[in-house]
Amino acid sequence: MYVFVNNEPHGGYYAFHQLCKQFPAAAPLSWFMTIPPVATVGESIYEYVAENRDRYFVCSYEPNSE
């Protein structure tokens, strides 16, 4: 995932961080994500989920057959 803020690209965990900054309700989460130990763990978790998204997250669409 990539997000561009002021023409500056942010990828992965930091793209998610930038998205959280855009919503007032997520502002505390955004701040929490900047703490170094949290960011380090968050990067690892984000990479794991991104590498295994097909294993855990499956999207499917089955239209009604009428």
Protein backbone atom coordinates (compact mmCIF):
# COMPACT_ATOMS: atom_id res chain seq x y z
CA MET A 1 0.00 0.00 0.00
CA TYR A 2 1.24 3.48 -0.84
CA VAL A 3 -0.04 6.90 0.18
CA PHE A 4 1.24 10.21 -1.14
CA VAL A 5 1.22 13.20 1.21
CA ASN A 6 2.44 16.46 -0.33
CA ASN A 7 3.96 14.42 -3.20
CA GLU A 8 5.97 12.37 -0.71
CA PRO A 9 5.39 8.59 -0.92
CA HIS A 10 4.75 6.54 2.20
CA GLY A 11 4.61 2.77 1.95
CA GLY A 12 3.48 -0.14 4.08
CA TYR A 13 3.17 0.54 7.80
CA TYR A 14 3.86 4.23 7.31
CA ALA A 15 1.16 4.52 4.65
CA PHE A 16 -1.29 3.10 7.18
CA HIS A 17 0.04 5.64 9.70
CA GLN A 18 -0.61 8.50 7.27
CA LEU A 19 -4.16 7.26 6.66
CA CYS A 20 -4.84 7.19 10.41
CA LYS A 21 -3.64 10.79 10.68
CA GLN A 22 -6.44 11.85 8.32
CA PHE A 23 -9.23 10.83 10.71
CA PRO A 24 -9.70 12.61 14.06
CA ALA A 25 -10.99 9.45 15.74
CA ALA A 26 -7.77 7.64 14.80
CA ALA A 27 -5.44 10.45 15.93
CA PRO A 28 -4.47 8.69 19.20
CA LEU A 29 -3.64 5.54 17.23
CA SER A 30 -1.59 7.61 14.79
CA TRP A 31 0.42 9.12 17.64
CA PHE A 32 0.89 5.71 19.28
CA MET A 33 2.21 4.29 15.99
CA THR A 34 5.16 6.71 16.06
CA ILE A 35 6.66 5.39 19.31
CA PRO A 36 9.86 3.52 18.29
CA PRO A 37 9.12 0.09 19.86
CA VAL A 38 5.55 0.18 18.54
CA ALA A 39 6.73 1.19 15.07
CA THR A 40 9.29 -1.63 14.99
CA VAL A 41 6.71 -4.25 15.96
CA GLY A 42 4.11 -2.65 13.68
CA GLU A 43 6.43 -2.85 10.68
CA SER A 44 7.01 -6.56 11.33
CA ILE A 45 3.31 -7.27 11.72
CA TYR A 46 2.46 -5.27 8.60
CA GLU A 47 5.08 -7.16 6.55
CA TYR A 48 3.82 -10.53 7.81
CA VAL A 49 0.19 -9.71 6.99
CA ALA A 50 1.16 -8.29 3.57
CA GLU A 51 3.18 -11.41 2.70
CA ASN A 52 0.41 -13.76 3.86
CA ARG A 53 -2.72 -11.83 2.90
CA ASP A 54 -3.84 -14.51 0.44
CA ARG A 55 -3.67 -17.12 3.18
CA TYR A 56 -5.73 -15.23 5.76
CA PHE A 57 -7.83 -12.73 3.85
CA VAL A 58 -9.90 -13.89 0.92
CA CYS A 59 -12.31 -11.68 -0.92
CA SER A 60 -14.94 -13.28 -3.08
CA TYR A 61 -18.04 -12.15 -4.86
CA GLU A 62 -20.92 -14.46 -5.65
CA PRO A 63 -23.76 -12.67 -7.42
CA ASN A 64 -27.29 -13.81 -6.76
CA SER A 65 -28.31 -16.35 -9.38
CA GLU A 66 -31.81 -15.37 -10.37
